[in-house]
Amino acid sequence: MEMIPVTSSNIAAIGYDEQSATLTIQFIKENAVYEYYDVPQYEYDALMSAGSHGSYANKNIYKVYRQQRIA
């Protein structure tokens, strides 16, 4: 999966796998990486086009979708 660098105070890069609907977010602090499962394509698209990736993810991703820290 390609990780796309983003400009954010908290998020370093974001990736998305359409086949598995898995969203991957690499955070700046501690270089932690989380996967979020069953995330629809429209949610990824909205996250990538949001004015603030962190704010959007906080409201629409973090506590909505199952997640697991992978690194």
PDB file of N, CA and C in Angstrom:
ATOM      1  N   MET A   1       0.847  -1.181   0.000  1.00  0.00           N
ATOM      2  CA  MET A   1       0.000   0.000   0.000  1.00  0.00           C
ATOM      3  C   MET A   1       0.892   1.245   0.000  1.00  0.00           C
ATOM      4  N   GLU A   2       0.555   2.181  -0.825  1.00  0.00           N
ATOM      5  CA  GLU A   2       1.307   3.432  -0.893  1.00  0.00           C
ATOM      6  C   GLU A   2       0.865   4.345   0.237  1.00  0.00           C
ATOM      7  N   MET A   3       1.833   4.842   0.986  1.00  0.00           N
ATOM      8  CA  MET A   3       1.557   5.813   2.036  1.00  0.00           C
ATOM      9  C   MET A   3       1.817   7.199   1.463  1.00  0.00           C
ATOM     10  N   ILE A   4       0.838   8.066   1.569  1.00  0.00           N
ATOM     11  CA  ILE A   4       0.935   9.405   1.009  1.00  0.00           C
ATOM     12  C   ILE A   4       1.233  10.393   2.136  1.00  0.00           C
ATOM     13  N   PRO A   5       2.368  11.082   2.064  1.00  0.00           N
ATOM     14  CA  PRO A   5       2.684  12.086   3.084  1.00  0.00           C
ATOM     15  C   PRO A   5       1.648  13.219   3.060  1.00  0.00           C
ATOM     16  N   VAL A   6       1.278  13.697   4.244  1.00  0.00           N
ATOM     17  CA  VAL A   6       0.325  14.800   4.345  1.00  0.00           C
ATOM     18  C   VAL A   6       0.900  15.887   5.246  1.00  0.00           C
ATOM     19  N   THR A   7       0.375  17.084   5.079  1.00  0.00           N
ATOM     20  CA  THR A   7       0.772  18.197   5.931  1.00  0.00           C
ATOM     21  C   THR A   7      -0.194  18.252   7.102  1.00  0.00           C
ATOM     22  N   SER A   8       0.318  17.904   8.280  1.00  0.00           N
ATOM     23  CA  SER A   8      -0.516  17.843   9.476  1.00  0.00           C
ATOM     24  C   SER A   8       0.399  17.918  10.690  1.00  0.00           C
ATOM     25  N   SER A   9      -0.121  18.430  11.789  1.00  0.00           N
ATOM     26  CA  SER A   9       0.685  18.503  13.011  1.00  0.00           C
ATOM     27  C   SER A   9       0.744  17.158  13.722  1.00  0.00           C
ATOM     28  N   ASN A  10      -0.133  16.232  13.370  1.00  0.00           N
ATOM     29  CA  ASN A  10      -0.212  14.952  14.065  1.00  0.00           C
ATOM     30  C   ASN A  10      -0.037  13.735  13.159  1.00  0.00           C
ATOM     31  N   ILE A  11      -0.374  13.869  11.880  1.00  0.00           N
ATOM     32  CA  ILE A  11      -0.352  12.741  10.943  1.00  0.00           C
ATOM     33  C   ILE A  11       0.779  12.927   9.941  1.00  0.00           C
ATOM     34  N   ALA A  12       1.612  11.890   9.795  1.00  0.00           N
ATOM     35  CA  ALA A  12       2.728  11.955   8.845  1.00  0.00           C
ATOM     36  C   ALA A  12       2.313  11.485   7.458  1.00  0.00           C
ATOM     37  N   ALA A  13       1.535  10.374   7.398  1.00  0.00           N
ATOM     38  CA  ALA A  13       1.170   9.798   6.104  1.00  0.00           C
ATOM     39  C   ALA A  13      -0.105   8.973   6.246  1.00  0.00           C
ATOM     40  N   ILE A  14      -0.801   8.824   5.113  1.00  0.00           N
ATOM     41  CA  ILE A  14      -2.067   8.088   5.071  1.00  0.00           C
ATOM     42  C   ILE A  14      -2.036   7.155   3.868  1.00  0.00           C
ATOM     43  N   GLY A  15      -2.530   5.935   4.064  1.00  0.00           N
ATOM     44  CA  GLY A  15      -2.646   4.978   2.973  1.00  0.00           C
ATOM     45  C   GLY A  15      -4.018   4.317   3.007  1.00  0.00           C
ATOM     46  N   TYR A  16      -4.420   3.765   1.870  1.00  0.00           N
ATOM     47  CA  TYR A  16      -5.730   3.115   1.793  1.00  0.00           C
ATOM     48  C   TYR A  16      -5.661   1.938   0.836  1.00  0.00           C
ATOM     49  N   ASP A  17      -6.200   0.822   1.273  1.00  0.00           N
ATOM     50  CA  ASP A  17      -6.302  -0.374   0.437  1.00  0.00           C
ATOM     51  C   ASP A  17      -7.771  -0.575   0.093  1.00  0.00           C
ATOM     52  N   GLU A  18      -8.117  -0.326  -1.164  1.00  0.00           N
ATOM     53  CA  GLU A  18      -9.512  -0.419  -1.608  1.00  0.00           C
ATOM     54  C   GLU A  18     -10.077  -1.827  -1.457  1.00  0.00           C
ATOM     55  N   GLN A  19      -9.269  -2.830  -1.751  1.00  0.00           N
ATOM     56  CA  GLN A  19      -9.750  -4.217  -1.728  1.00  0.00           C
ATOM     57  C   GLN A  19     -10.208  -4.642  -0.339  1.00  0.00           C
ATOM     58  N   SER A  20      -9.433  -4.266   0.690  1.00  0.00           N
ATOM     59  CA  SER A  20      -9.775  -4.669   2.056  1.00  0.00           C
ATOM     60  C   SER A  20     -10.462  -3.559   2.839  1.00  0.00           C
ATOM     61  N   ALA A  21     -10.596  -2.381   2.235  1.00  0.00           N
ATOM     62  CA  ALA A  21     -11.180  -1.207   2.899  1.00  0.00           C
ATOM     63  C   ALA A  21     -10.442  -0.901   4.200  1.00  0.00           C
ATOM     64  N   THR A  22      -9.094  -0.980   4.117  1.00  0.00           N
ATOM     65  CA  THR A  22      -8.259  -0.702   5.283  1.00  0.00           C
ATOM     66  C   THR A  22      -7.554   0.630   5.099  1.00  0.00           C
ATOM     67  N   LEU A  23      -7.749   1.505   6.080  1.00  0.00           N
ATOM     68  CA  LEU A  23      -7.108   2.812   6.116  1.00  0.00           C
ATOM     69  C   LEU A  23      -5.922   2.712   7.069  1.00  0.00           C
ATOM     70  N   THR A  24      -4.765   3.172   6.637  1.00  0.00           N
ATOM     71  CA  THR A  24      -3.569   3.151   7.478  1.00  0.00           C
ATOM     72  C   THR A  24      -3.124   4.586   7.714  1.00  0.00           C
ATOM     73  N   ILE A  25      -2.880   4.899   8.987  1.00  0.00           N
ATOM     74  CA  ILE A  25      -2.432   6.242   9.350  1.00  0.00           C
ATOM     75  C   ILE A  25      -1.142   6.131  10.153  1.00  0.00           C
ATOM     76  N   GLN A  26      -0.124   6.855   9.686  1.00  0.00           N
ATOM     77  CA  GLN A  26       1.144   6.937  10.411  1.00  0.00           C
ATOM     78  C   GLN A  26       1.156   8.271  11.143  1.00  0.00           C
ATOM     79  N   PHE A  27       1.329   8.190  12.455  1.00  0.00           N
ATOM     80  CA  PHE A  27       1.330   9.386  13.279  1.00  0.00           C
ATOM     81  C   PHE A  27       2.757   9.888  13.488  1.00  0.00           C
ATOM     82  N   ILE A  28       2.889  11.185  13.663  1.00  0.00           N
ATOM     83  CA  ILE A  28       4.199  11.802  13.838  1.00  0.00           C
ATOM     84  C   ILE A  28       4.802  11.418  15.187  1.00  0.00           C
ATOM     85  N   LYS A  29       4.041  11.575  16.243  1.00  0.00           N
ATOM     86  CA  LYS A  29       4.556  11.249  17.576  1.00  0.00           C
ATOM     87  C   LYS A  29       4.771   9.747  17.694  1.00  0.00           C
ATOM     88  N   GLU A  30       5.931   9.359  18.152  1.00  0.00           N
ATOM     89  CA  GLU A  30       6.306   7.961  18.354  1.00  0.00           C
ATOM     90  C   GLU A  30       6.313   7.154  17.056  1.00  0.00           C
ATOM     91  N   ASN A  31       6.058   7.797  15.931  1.00  0.00           N
ATOM     92  CA  ASN A  31       6.029   7.108  14.640  1.00  0.00           C
ATOM     93  C   ASN A  31       5.082   5.903  14.660  1.00  0.00           C
ATOM     94  N   ALA A  32       4.001   6.003  15.415  1.00  0.00           N
ATOM     95  CA  ALA A  32       3.012   4.925  15.532  1.00  0.00           C
ATOM     96  C   ALA A  32       2.220   4.792  14.236  1.00  0.00           C
ATOM     97  N   VAL A  33       1.853   3.553  13.897  1.00  0.00           N
ATOM     98  CA  VAL A  33       1.048   3.282  12.707  1.00  0.00           C
ATOM     99  C   VAL A  33      -0.178   2.481  13.137  1.00  0.00           C
ATOM    100  N   TYR A  34      -1.348   2.945  12.722  1.00  0.00           N
ATOM    101  CA  TYR A  34      -2.603   2.269  13.033  1.00  0.00           C
ATOM    102  C   TYR A  34      -3.326   1.904  11.747  1.00  0.00           C
ATOM    103  N   GLU A  35      -4.007   0.773  11.780  1.00  0.00           N
ATOM    104  CA  GLU A  35      -4.918   0.385  10.705  1.00  0.00           C
ATOM    105  C   GLU A  35      -6.345   0.535  11.200  1.00  0.00           C
ATOM    106  N   TYR A  36      -7.198   1.028  10.321  1.00  0.00           N
ATOM    107  CA  TYR A  36      -8.633   1.181  10.596  1.00  0.00           C
ATOM    108  C   TYR A  36      -9.365   0.334   9.563  1.00  0.00           C
ATOM    109  N   TYR A  37     -10.276  -0.494  10.036  1.00  0.00           N
ATOM    110  CA  TYR A  37     -10.884  -1.522   9.185  1.00  0.00           C
ATOM    111  C   TYR A  37     -12.304  -1.166   8.748  1.00  0.00           C
ATOM    112  N   ASP A  38     -12.669  -1.651   7.563  1.00  0.00           N
ATOM    113  CA  ASP A  38     -14.004  -1.454   6.979  1.00  0.00           C
ATOM    114  C   ASP A  38     -14.324   0.020   6.751  1.00  0.00           C
ATOM    115  N   VAL A  39     -13.318   0.766   6.326  1.00  0.00           N
ATOM    116  CA  VAL A  39     -13.478   2.194   6.043  1.00  0.00           C
ATOM    117  C   VAL A  39     -13.878   2.347   4.577  1.00  0.00           C
ATOM    118  N   PRO A  40     -15.036   2.939   4.307  1.00  0.00           N
ATOM    119  CA  PRO A  40     -15.480   3.097   2.913  1.00  0.00           C
ATOM    120  C   PRO A  40     -14.582   4.063   2.124  1.00  0.00           C
ATOM    121  N   GLN A  41     -14.542   3.867   0.833  1.00  0.00           N
ATOM    122  CA  GLN A  41     -13.750   4.726  -0.054  1.00  0.00           C
ATOM    123  C   GLN A  41     -14.112   6.198   0.124  1.00  0.00           C
ATOM    124  N   TYR A  42     -15.399   6.513   0.274  1.00  0.00           N
ATOM    125  CA  TYR A  42     -15.798   7.918   0.402  1.00  0.00           C
ATOM    126  C   TYR A  42     -15.208   8.558   1.655  1.00  0.00           C
ATOM    127  N   GLU A  43     -15.023   7.769   2.694  1.00  0.00           N
ATOM    128  CA  GLU A  43     -14.448   8.289   3.942  1.00  0.00           C
ATOM    129  C   GLU A  43     -12.969   8.624   3.732  1.00  0.00           C
ATOM    130  N   TYR A  44     -12.266   7.740   3.040  1.00  0.00           N
ATOM    131  CA  TYR A  44     -10.860   8.013   2.706  1.00  0.00           C
ATOM    132  C   TYR A  44     -10.755   9.255   1.831  1.00  0.00           C
ATOM    133  N   ASP A  45     -11.592   9.358   0.818  1.00  0.00           N
ATOM    134  CA  ASP A  45     -11.567  10.519  -0.075  1.00  0.00           C
ATOM    135  C   ASP A  45     -11.808  11.812   0.693  1.00  0.00           C
ATOM    136  N   ALA A  46     -12.779  11.784   1.604  1.00  0.00           N
ATOM    137  CA  ALA A  46     -13.088  12.974   2.399  1.00  0.00           C
ATOM    138  C   ALA A  46     -11.923  13.327   3.321  1.00  0.00           C
ATOM    139  N   LEU A  47     -11.286  12.322   3.902  1.00  0.00           N
ATOM    140  CA  LEU A  47     -10.129  12.559   4.767  1.00  0.00           C
ATOM    141  C   LEU A  47      -9.003  13.223   3.989  1.00  0.00           C
ATOM    142  N   MET A  48      -8.741  12.724   2.802  1.00  0.00           N
ATOM    143  CA  MET A  48      -7.636  13.254   2.007  1.00  0.00           C
ATOM    144  C   MET A  48      -7.913  14.669   1.494  1.00  0.00           C
ATOM    145  N   SER A  49      -9.170  15.021   1.314  1.00  0.00           N
ATOM    146  CA  SER A  49      -9.490  16.359   0.809  1.00  0.00           C
ATOM    147  C   SER A  49      -9.847  17.347   1.918  1.00  0.00           C
ATOM    148  N   ALA A  50      -9.838  16.895   3.160  1.00  0.00           N
ATOM    149  CA  ALA A  50     -10.197  17.762   4.285  1.00  0.00           C
ATOM    150  C   ALA A  50      -9.149  18.857   4.484  1.00  0.00           C
ATOM    151  N   GLY A  51      -9.608  20.014   4.935  1.00  0.00           N
ATOM    152  CA  GLY A  51      -8.696  21.115   5.238  1.00  0.00           C
ATOM    153  C   GLY A  51      -7.746  20.757   6.367  1.00  0.00           C
ATOM    154  N   SER A  52      -8.235  19.970   7.321  1.00  0.00           N
ATOM    155  CA  SER A  52      -7.411  19.481   8.423  1.00  0.00           C
ATOM    156  C   SER A  52      -7.592  17.969   8.525  1.00  0.00           C
ATOM    157  N   HIS A  53      -6.562  17.232   8.162  1.00  0.00           N
ATOM    158  CA  HIS A  53      -6.643  15.772   8.215  1.00  0.00           C
ATOM    159  C   HIS A  53      -6.880  15.292   9.645  1.00  0.00           C
ATOM    160  N   GLY A  54      -6.189  15.896  10.597  1.00  0.00           N
ATOM    161  CA  GLY A  54      -6.318  15.498  11.989  1.00  0.00           C
ATOM    162  C   GLY A  54      -7.706  15.730  12.543  1.00  0.00           C
ATOM    163  N   SER A  55      -8.277  16.879  12.264  1.00  0.00           N
ATOM    164  CA  SER A  55      -9.625  17.184  12.750  1.00  0.00           C
ATOM    165  C   SER A  55     -10.656  16.252  12.127  1.00  0.00           C
ATOM    166  N   TYR A  56     -10.521  16.013  10.827  1.00  0.00           N
ATOM    167  CA  TYR A  56     -11.465  15.123  10.158  1.00  0.00           C
ATOM    168  C   TYR A  56     -11.377  13.720  10.742  1.00  0.00           C
ATOM    169  N   ALA A  57     -10.151  13.222  10.886  1.00  0.00           N
ATOM    170  CA  ALA A  57      -9.966  11.871  11.421  1.00  0.00           C
ATOM    171  C   ALA A  57     -10.490  11.773  12.844  1.00  0.00           C
ATOM    172  N   ASN A  58     -10.276  12.806  13.627  1.00  0.00           N
ATOM    173  CA  ASN A  58     -10.749  12.806  15.008  1.00  0.00           C
ATOM    174  C   ASN A  58     -12.271  12.702  15.078  1.00  0.00           C
ATOM    175  N   LYS A  59     -12.956  13.365  14.189  1.00  0.00           N
ATOM    176  CA  LYS A  59     -14.424  13.370  14.196  1.00  0.00           C
ATOM    177  C   LYS A  59     -15.036  12.164  13.493  1.00  0.00           C
ATOM    178  N   ASN A  60     -14.344  11.625  12.470  1.00  0.00           N
ATOM    179  CA  ASN A  60     -14.981  10.646  11.596  1.00  0.00           C
ATOM    180  C   ASN A  60     -14.310   9.275  11.483  1.00  0.00           C
ATOM    181  N   ILE A  61     -13.108   9.139  12.032  1.00  0.00           N
ATOM    182  CA  ILE A  61     -12.378   7.882  11.858  1.00  0.00           C
ATOM    183  C   ILE A  61     -12.047   7.204  13.189  1.00  0.00           C
ATOM    184  N   TYR A  62     -11.337   7.902  14.055  1.00  0.00           N
ATOM    185  CA  TYR A  62     -10.710   7.285  15.226  1.00  0.00           C
ATOM    186  C   TYR A  62     -11.631   6.433  16.088  1.00  0.00           C
ATOM    187  N   LYS A  63     -12.776   6.934  16.435  1.00  0.00           N
ATOM    188  CA  LYS A  63     -13.662   6.181  17.338  1.00  0.00           C
ATOM    189  C   LYS A  63     -14.848   5.547  16.618  1.00  0.00           C
ATOM    190  N   VAL A  64     -14.807   5.599  15.290  1.00  0.00           N
ATOM    191  CA  VAL A  64     -15.911   5.057  14.501  1.00  0.00           C
ATOM    192  C   VAL A  64     -15.580   3.660  13.961  1.00  0.00           C
ATOM    193  N   TYR A  65     -14.327   3.463  13.550  1.00  0.00           N
ATOM    194  CA  TYR A  65     -13.931   2.213  12.906  1.00  0.00           C
ATOM    195  C   TYR A  65     -13.014   1.397  13.815  1.00  0.00           C
ATOM    196  N   ARG A  66     -13.108   0.071  13.673  1.00  0.00           N
ATOM    197  CA  ARG A  66     -12.203  -0.815  14.427  1.00  0.00           C
ATOM    198  C   ARG A  66     -10.771  -0.461  14.055  1.00  0.00           C
ATOM    199  N   GLN A  67      -9.904  -0.556  15.032  1.00  0.00           N
ATOM    200  CA  GLN A  67      -8.520  -0.173  14.782  1.00  0.00           C
ATOM    201  C   GLN A  67      -7.554  -1.115  15.486  1.00  0.00           C
ATOM    202  N   GLN A  68      -6.320  -1.075  15.013  1.00  0.00           N
ATOM    203  CA  GLN A  68      -5.256  -1.851  15.621  1.00  0.00           C
ATOM    204  C   GLN A  68      -3.937  -1.155  15.352  1.00  0.00           C
ATOM    205  N   ARG A  69      -3.122  -1.037  16.402  1.00  0.00           N
ATOM    206  CA  ARG A  69      -1.779  -0.481  16.211  1.00  0.00           C
ATOM    207  C   ARG A  69      -0.914  -1.586  15.597  1.00  0.00           C
ATOM    208  N   ILE A  70      -0.221  -1.257  14.514  1.00  0.00           N
ATOM    209  CA  ILE A  70       0.601  -2.270  13.841  1.00  0.00           C
ATOM    210  C   ILE A  70       2.090  -1.940  13.933  1.00  0.00           C
ATOM    211  N   ALA A  71       2.416  -0.747  14.386  1.00  0.00           N
ATOM    212  CA  ALA A  71       3.841  -0.380  14.550  1.00  0.00           C
ATOM    213  C   ALA A  71       3.948   0.754  15.547  1.00  0.00           C
TER     214      ALA A  71
END
